[in-house]
Amino acid sequence: MLHRHLDLTKSEAVKILKKNYEADIATYDEIEKQALEMADVLAEGIVSQFPNKFS
């Protein structure tokens, strides 16, 4: 997931440098969705690792 996030971020930077702002906005939206999914997976992992702390 982190590798995908970095790929998307690099893609966004290239689009900004090329002044392709419409594509940049679409990529930003994809980055946001992917980051939220990654946060959910990380949170699930933390909760499963420490079940007594989350009841």
Protein backbone atom coordinates (compact mmCIF):
# COMPACT_ATOMS: atom_id res chain seq x y z
CA MET A 1 0.00 0.00 0.00
CA LEU A 2 2.79 2.40 0.82
CA HIS A 3 4.47 1.66 -2.52
CA ARG A 4 1.20 2.48 -4.33
CA HIS A 5 0.86 5.69 -2.32
CA LEU A 6 4.37 6.79 -3.29
CA ASP A 7 3.70 5.96 -6.95
CA LEU A 8 0.56 8.10 -6.89
CA THR A 9 2.38 10.96 -5.17
CA LYS A 10 5.16 10.86 -7.77
CA SER A 11 2.57 10.83 -10.54
CA GLU A 12 0.86 13.85 -9.03
CA ALA A 13 4.14 15.76 -8.82
CA VAL A 14 4.91 15.06 -12.48
CA LYS A 15 1.45 16.28 -13.50
CA ILE A 16 1.95 19.50 -11.54
CA LEU A 17 5.35 20.08 -13.15
CA LYS A 18 3.80 19.55 -16.59
CA LYS A 19 1.00 21.97 -15.63
CA ASN A 20 -1.60 19.26 -16.28
CA TYR A 21 -3.81 20.48 -13.46
CA GLU A 22 -6.97 18.60 -14.45
CA ALA A 23 -5.11 15.27 -14.30
CA ASP A 24 -3.42 16.42 -11.08
CA ILE A 25 -6.78 16.96 -9.42
CA ALA A 26 -7.95 13.49 -10.44
CA THR A 27 -4.74 11.97 -9.09
CA TYR A 28 -5.09 13.93 -5.84
CA ASP A 29 -8.57 12.49 -5.40
CA GLU A 30 -7.17 8.99 -5.94
CA ILE A 31 -4.37 9.66 -3.42
CA GLU A 32 -6.89 10.79 -0.82
CA LYS A 33 -9.03 7.67 -1.28
CA GLN A 34 -6.00 5.38 -1.16
CA ALA A 35 -4.60 7.13 1.96
CA LEU A 36 -7.90 6.66 3.78
CA GLU A 37 -7.92 2.97 2.85
CA MET A 38 -4.33 2.64 4.08
CA ALA A 39 -5.28 4.33 7.37
CA ASP A 40 -8.15 1.86 7.84
CA VAL A 41 -5.81 -1.12 7.30
CA LEU A 42 -3.26 0.29 9.74
CA ALA A 43 -5.96 0.94 12.35
CA GLU A 44 -7.34 -2.59 11.96
CA GLY A 45 -3.83 -3.97 12.48
CA ILE A 46 -3.29 -1.94 15.63
CA VAL A 47 -6.66 -2.97 17.05
CA SER A 48 -6.01 -6.65 16.30
CA GLN A 49 -2.56 -6.43 17.87
CA PHE A 50 -3.88 -4.85 21.08
CA PRO A 51 -7.49 -6.11 21.44
CA ASN A 52 -7.59 -5.47 25.21
CA LYS A 53 -6.96 -1.75 24.65
CA PHE A 54 -9.96 -1.42 22.31
CA SER A 55 -13.24 -2.66 23.68
